[in-house]
Amino acid sequence: MGYPWTQWLHNPGWTRSLLLQLVDVGLVLALTYIVLVIIGERRTLWMVRGFLVLMLASTISSRIGLTLLSFVLSNLVIGSAVAMAVILQSEFRRFLEQLGRGEVIQLFQPSQRVIPKAGSVIDEIVEAVKELSQRRTGALLLLETNQPIDERDFSVPGVRLNAEISKELLQTIFQTTTLLHDGAVLIRGSRVMAAGVILPLSERTASRQLGTRHRAAMGITERVENCLCIVVSEETGSISLAERGGLNRPLTSSKLKELLEARFSQSVDRETVAPDLRTLSRQLLSQGLALLSRFLRLPASASREKK
């Protein structure tokens, strides 16, 4: 007399159903992995996890026959998907672009970002801001913290430079005799990506002491979370730091350096969202084999106990 699991394996319908379920789970895991690799931020990661919990709850409620709860959860999933598509539009755009180009393998590779360090890039920025402040030369510096900013968030993208950052370069750009001094400088990692960038102005009611540069710094940080904006006032030479629509002012150069070091150290220490694909495959394979071995041992152990 054979074990029950051997009878299930000889049933073509059950085997086909099991294979389809395994394929379904594998595809969902692969899609989830791609999304986590593309996003790569701790704060957004919790939102994705919440969305997955809603999907799981909706699936379970529909399977066990809770019709009303399943209806409510399914509508919450649809609404959450639309909200995430709006919030993560730049990440989804990059995902669709790579998918359209056929760069499927690149989707599984986390982007390597060069983040400013306290001993190099931040020192150059602070020294340049200090000199500009002493000379009362207006300046606007936009610093990316994690993912690249979409150029559609700018009113005018500006002139692309892609030059190594230095205090001399920053001071030269913001001299009133240059053509690019009115806009902002976009800093990505250790490079000045563009100059003369025109940023959207904040719609908030601001103090009369704040000029166009301050409103532009507040505007871009309201629209984009993964950035900081440094402002040097042309009238007073005061230094300000904008983040998430708020303005921290006035600042000394030492205080500015302290805030930048604290902000970028958080970016460096952020948790790893997605492991290497090979490591993930090994973990899934080992766990799957362990579960399968447990499943195959259960009938044998049960029969021994009966004997």
Protein backbone atom coordinates (compact mmCIF):
# COMPACT_ATOMS: atom_id res chain seq x y z
CA MET A 1 0.00 0.00 0.00
CA GLY A 2 1.50 3.30 -1.11
CA TYR A 3 1.69 6.49 0.84
CA PRO A 4 -0.93 9.22 0.22
CA TRP A 5 1.64 11.56 -1.28
CA THR A 6 2.56 8.99 -3.95
CA GLN A 7 -1.08 8.87 -5.01
CA TRP A 8 -1.13 12.68 -5.28
CA LEU A 9 2.00 12.65 -7.43
CA HIS A 10 0.40 10.15 -9.84
CA ASN A 11 -2.64 12.43 -10.19
CA PRO A 12 -2.00 14.60 -13.31
CA GLY A 13 -4.51 17.26 -12.26
CA TRP A 14 -2.95 17.74 -8.85
CA THR A 15 0.57 17.81 -10.29
CA ARG A 16 -0.39 20.43 -12.88
CA SER A 17 -2.11 22.55 -10.22
CA LEU A 18 0.96 22.36 -7.98
CA LEU A 19 3.31 23.37 -10.80
CA LEU A 20 1.11 26.32 -11.73
CA GLN A 21 1.04 27.50 -8.11
CA LEU A 22 4.83 27.22 -7.85
CA VAL A 23 5.26 29.20 -11.07
CA ASP A 24 2.79 31.81 -9.82
CA VAL A 25 4.64 32.22 -6.51
CA GLY A 26 8.01 32.38 -8.30
CA LEU A 27 6.85 35.10 -10.68
CA VAL A 28 5.41 37.17 -7.81
CA LEU A 29 8.69 36.84 -5.89
CA ALA A 30 10.70 37.89 -8.97
CA LEU A 31 8.46 40.91 -9.58
CA THR A 32 8.67 41.90 -5.90
CA TYR A 33 12.45 41.60 -6.02
CA ILE A 34 12.64 43.85 -9.10
CA VAL A 35 10.45 46.49 -7.45
CA LEU A 36 12.56 46.49 -4.29
CA VAL A 37 15.79 46.76 -6.29
CA ILE A 38 14.47 49.70 -8.30
CA ILE A 39 13.14 51.59 -5.27
CA GLY A 40 15.99 50.91 -2.88
CA GLU A 41 14.83 53.30 -0.11
CA ARG A 42 13.90 52.32 3.42
CA ARG A 43 11.00 54.76 3.72
CA THR A 44 9.42 53.59 0.46
CA LEU A 45 10.15 49.96 1.30
CA TRP A 46 7.59 50.03 4.12
CA MET A 47 4.97 51.30 1.70
CA VAL A 48 5.69 48.41 -0.68
CA ARG A 49 5.50 45.93 2.19
CA GLY A 50 2.13 47.36 3.22
CA PHE A 51 0.88 46.97 -0.34
CA LEU A 52 2.01 43.32 -0.39
CA VAL A 53 0.23 42.69 2.93
CA LEU A 54 -2.99 44.10 1.44
CA MET A 55 -2.63 41.83 -1.60
CA LEU A 56 -2.02 38.79 0.60
CA ALA A 57 -4.99 39.60 2.84
CA SER A 58 -7.23 40.11 -0.18
CA THR A 59 -6.19 36.76 -1.67
CA ILE A 60 -6.70 34.86 1.57
CA SER A 61 -10.11 36.43 2.25
CA SER A 62 -11.32 35.53 -1.26
CA ARG A 63 -10.06 31.94 -0.92
CA ILE A 64 -11.81 31.31 2.42
CA GLY A 65 -15.09 32.85 1.27
CA LEU A 66 -15.18 36.20 3.10
CA THR A 67 -16.96 38.00 0.27
CA LEU A 68 -17.47 41.43 1.82
CA LEU A 69 -13.95 41.64 3.28
CA SER A 70 -12.49 40.46 -0.01
CA PHE A 71 -14.43 43.17 -1.88
CA VAL A 72 -13.17 45.92 0.47
CA LEU A 73 -9.56 44.70 0.38
CA SER A 74 -9.52 44.30 -3.40
CA ASN A 75 -10.66 47.90 -3.82
CA LEU A 76 -8.01 49.03 -1.32
CA VAL A 77 -5.39 47.19 -3.38
CA ILE A 78 -6.51 48.97 -6.56
CA GLY A 79 -6.49 52.37 -4.85
CA SER A 80 -3.07 51.70 -3.31
CA ALA A 81 -1.68 50.64 -6.70
CA VAL A 82 -2.84 53.90 -8.28
CA ALA A 83 -1.39 55.93 -5.38
CA MET A 84 1.96 54.13 -5.63
CA ALA A 85 2.06 54.69 -9.39
CA VAL A 86 1.74 58.44 -8.75
CA ILE A 87 4.21 58.56 -5.84
CA LEU A 88 6.82 56.31 -7.50
CA GLN A 89 6.36 57.58 -11.04
CA SER A 90 10.08 58.09 -11.68
CA GLU A 91 10.91 54.54 -10.47
CA PHE A 92 8.10 52.99 -12.56
CA ARG A 93 9.23 55.05 -15.57
CA ARG A 94 12.75 53.66 -15.25
CA PHE A 95 11.31 50.14 -14.89
CA LEU A 96 9.20 50.49 -18.06
CA GLU A 97 12.11 52.03 -20.01
CA GLN A 98 14.46 49.17 -19.15
CA LEU A 99 11.72 46.63 -19.86
CA GLY A 100 11.03 48.24 -23.24
CA ARG A 101 14.73 48.20 -24.16
CA GLY A 102 14.98 44.53 -23.31
CA GLU A 103 17.36 45.18 -20.42
CA VAL A 104 15.76 42.54 -18.21
CA ILE A 105 19.02 41.45 -16.55
CA GLN A 106 19.80 45.05 -15.53
CA LEU A 107 16.54 45.10 -13.56
CA PHE A 108 18.03 42.60 -11.11
CA GLN A 109 21.17 44.69 -10.55
CA PRO A 110 20.96 47.44 -7.89
CA SER A 111 22.31 50.75 -9.18
CA GLN A 112 25.64 51.71 -7.66
CA ARG A 113 25.49 55.26 -6.43
CA VAL A 114 28.43 57.39 -5.33
CA ILE A 115 27.33 59.25 -2.21
CA PRO A 116 29.18 62.33 -0.98
CA LYS A 117 31.51 61.67 1.94
CA ALA A 118 32.34 64.03 4.76
CA GLY A 119 36.04 64.14 3.94
CA SER A 120 35.76 65.09 0.27
CA VAL A 121 32.65 66.35 -1.49
CA ILE A 122 30.95 67.90 1.54
CA ASP A 123 34.12 69.81 2.41
CA GLU A 124 34.28 71.22 -1.13
CA ILE A 125 30.63 72.27 -0.99
CA VAL A 126 30.90 73.87 2.45
CA GLU A 127 34.08 75.76 1.55
CA ALA A 128 32.46 77.09 -1.63
CA VAL A 129 29.31 78.13 0.23
CA LYS A 130 31.39 79.83 2.92
CA GLU A 131 33.29 81.90 0.34
CA LEU A 132 30.10 82.81 -1.52
CA SER A 133 28.44 83.82 1.75
CA GLN A 134 31.32 86.09 2.74
CA ARG A 135 31.21 87.80 -0.67
CA ARG A 136 27.39 87.96 -0.62
CA THR A 137 27.19 86.12 -3.90
CA GLY A 138 23.82 84.45 -4.43
CA ALA A 139 23.91 80.69 -4.98
CA LEU A 140 21.56 77.72 -5.21
CA LEU A 141 22.90 74.16 -4.92
CA LEU A 142 20.69 71.10 -5.37
CA LEU A 143 22.09 67.87 -3.88
CA GLU A 144 20.66 64.43 -4.65
CA THR A 145 20.61 62.08 -1.67
CA ASN A 146 19.49 58.74 -3.11
CA GLN A 147 17.83 58.16 -6.47
CA PRO A 148 18.42 60.57 -9.38
CA ILE A 149 15.92 63.40 -9.74
CA ASP A 150 13.73 63.25 -12.82
CA GLU A 151 14.39 66.22 -15.11
CA ARG A 152 10.64 66.64 -15.52
CA ASP A 153 10.58 68.00 -11.97
CA PHE A 154 12.59 71.00 -13.17
CA SER A 155 11.11 74.00 -14.93
CA VAL A 156 14.22 74.10 -17.17
CA PRO A 157 16.83 71.27 -17.04
CA GLY A 158 19.76 73.64 -17.55
CA VAL A 159 23.15 73.04 -19.17
CA ARG A 160 24.72 69.61 -18.68
CA LEU A 161 28.30 69.70 -17.32
CA ASN A 162 29.14 66.34 -15.68
CA ALA A 163 32.29 67.76 -14.11
CA GLU A 164 34.19 66.78 -10.98
CA ILE A 165 33.07 68.92 -8.08
CA SER A 166 35.40 71.53 -6.61
CA LYS A 167 34.97 74.74 -4.64
CA GLU A 168 36.63 76.70 -7.45
CA LEU A 169 34.13 75.40 -9.99
CA LEU A 170 31.16 76.24 -7.79
CA GLN A 171 32.43 79.74 -7.06
CA THR A 172 33.05 80.37 -10.75
CA ILE A 173 29.57 79.25 -11.80
CA PHE A 174 27.85 81.66 -9.42
CA GLN A 175 29.86 84.72 -10.38
CA THR A 176 27.46 87.38 -11.67
CA THR A 177 29.44 87.70 -14.89
CA THR A 178 28.65 84.12 -15.97
CA LEU A 179 25.55 83.09 -17.89
CA LEU A 180 24.65 80.27 -15.51
CA HIS A 181 24.71 82.12 -12.18
CA ASP A 182 20.92 82.68 -12.00
CA GLY A 183 19.94 79.02 -11.92
CA ALA A 184 20.74 76.12 -9.61
CA VAL A 185 23.62 73.68 -9.72
CA LEU A 186 22.68 69.98 -9.70
CA ILE A 187 25.12 67.83 -7.71
CA ARG A 188 24.95 64.05 -8.04
CA GLY A 189 27.44 62.12 -5.97
CA SER A 190 30.85 63.70 -6.53
CA ARG A 191 29.99 65.46 -9.80
CA VAL A 192 28.31 68.67 -10.91
CA MET A 193 25.79 67.30 -13.39
CA ALA A 194 24.22 70.55 -14.61
CA ALA A 195 24.15 74.30 -14.05
CA GLY A 196 21.58 76.95 -14.78
CA VAL A 197 18.76 74.64 -13.67
CA ILE A 198 15.49 76.52 -13.17
CA LEU A 199 13.53 75.06 -10.25
CA PRO A 200 9.77 75.30 -9.60
CA LEU A 201 8.77 77.91 -7.03
CA SER A 202 6.94 77.02 -3.84
CA GLU A 203 3.28 77.98 -3.64
CA ARG A 204 3.46 78.44 0.11
CA THR A 205 3.12 81.88 1.62
CA ALA A 206 6.71 82.79 2.45
CA SER A 207 8.26 85.63 4.39
CA ARG A 208 9.03 88.83 2.51
CA GLN A 209 12.66 88.38 3.51
CA LEU A 210 12.88 85.29 1.33
CA GLY A 211 13.77 85.80 -2.32
CA THR A 212 13.27 83.71 -5.43
CA ARG A 213 16.14 81.36 -4.59
CA HIS A 214 14.57 80.45 -1.25
CA ARG A 215 11.18 79.84 -2.85
CA ALA A 216 12.81 77.70 -5.53
CA ALA A 217 14.63 75.64 -2.87
CA MET A 218 11.36 75.09 -1.00
CA GLY A 219 9.54 74.27 -4.24
CA ILE A 220 11.87 71.51 -5.43
CA THR A 221 12.12 69.91 -1.97
CA GLU A 222 8.34 69.93 -1.73
CA ARG A 223 8.09 68.04 -5.00
CA VAL A 224 11.09 65.73 -4.59
CA GLU A 225 11.97 64.06 -1.29
CA ASN A 226 15.41 62.66 -2.15
CA CYS A 227 17.22 65.98 -2.31
CA LEU A 228 18.61 68.89 -0.30
CA CYS A 229 18.92 72.48 -1.44
CA ILE A 230 21.50 74.99 -0.17
CA VAL A 231 20.75 78.69 -0.60
CA VAL A 232 23.11 81.64 -0.23
CA SER A 233 21.30 84.96 -0.03
CA GLU A 234 22.58 87.64 -2.36
CA GLU A 235 21.36 90.46 -0.10
CA THR A 236 22.53 89.27 3.33
CA GLY A 237 24.90 86.40 2.57
CA SER A 238 22.98 84.13 4.95
CA ILE A 239 23.06 80.37 4.42
CA SER A 240 19.89 78.25 4.35
CA LEU A 241 19.21 74.54 3.91
CA ALA A 242 15.89 73.34 2.44
CA GLU A 243 14.54 69.83 2.88
CA ARG A 244 11.00 68.47 2.34
CA GLY A 245 9.64 71.94 1.82
CA GLY A 246 11.08 73.33 5.06
CA LEU A 247 13.81 75.95 5.36
CA ASN A 248 16.50 75.81 8.04
CA ARG A 249 18.05 79.28 8.41
CA PRO A 250 20.27 81.06 9.10
CA LEU A 251 23.16 78.62 9.29
CA THR A 252 26.87 78.92 9.87
CA SER A 253 29.25 77.00 7.63
CA SER A 254 30.10 74.63 10.49
CA LYS A 255 26.41 73.96 11.17
CA LEU A 256 25.80 73.37 7.46
CA LYS A 257 28.62 70.83 7.38
CA GLU A 258 27.20 69.08 10.43
CA LEU A 259 23.74 68.81 8.86
CA LEU A 260 25.09 67.53 5.55
CA GLU A 261 27.26 64.91 7.23
CA ALA A 262 24.31 63.71 9.30
CA ARG A 263 22.00 63.59 6.27
CA PHE A 264 24.40 61.73 3.99
CA SER A 265 25.49 59.31 6.71
CA GLN A 266 21.86 58.21 6.91
CA SER A 267 21.89 57.57 3.15
CA VAL A 268 25.06 55.50 3.43
CA ASP A 269 23.73 53.49 6.37
CA ARG A 270 20.33 52.76 4.87
CA GLU A 271 19.44 49.08 4.96
CA THR A 272 20.03 46.78 2.01
CA VAL A 273 16.67 46.31 0.32
CA ALA A 274 17.42 43.43 -2.01
CA PRO A 275 20.24 40.89 -1.76
CA ASP A 276 22.30 39.62 -4.64
CA LEU A 277 20.28 37.52 -7.06
CA ARG A 278 22.48 34.45 -6.63
CA THR A 279 22.24 34.66 -2.84
CA LEU A 280 18.47 35.04 -3.08
CA SER A 281 18.22 32.02 -5.41
CA ARG A 282 20.31 29.87 -3.05
CA GLN A 283 18.16 30.87 -0.07
CA LEU A 284 14.92 30.11 -1.90
CA LEU A 285 16.28 26.79 -3.19
CA SER A 286 17.52 25.66 0.24
CA GLN A 287 14.27 26.63 1.93
CA GLY A 288 12.23 24.92 -0.77
CA LEU A 289 14.24 21.69 -0.45
CA ALA A 290 13.87 21.79 3.33
CA LEU A 291 10.11 22.16 3.07
CA LEU A 292 9.91 19.38 0.49
CA SER A 293 11.96 17.01 2.64
CA ARG A 294 9.72 17.72 5.64
CA PHE A 295 6.65 17.10 3.50
CA LEU A 296 8.00 13.75 2.26
CA ARG A 297 8.97 12.62 5.76
CA LEU A 298 5.57 13.28 7.33
CA PRO A 299 3.70 10.27 5.85
CA ALA A 300 6.58 7.90 6.63
CA SER A 301 6.85 9.02 10.25
CA ALA A 302 3.08 8.84 10.67
CA SER A 303 3.00 5.26 9.36
CA ARG A 304 5.79 4.24 11.73
CA GLU A 305 3.84 5.61 14.66
CA LYS A 306 0.79 3.56 13.61
CA LYS A 307 2.87 0.42 13.45
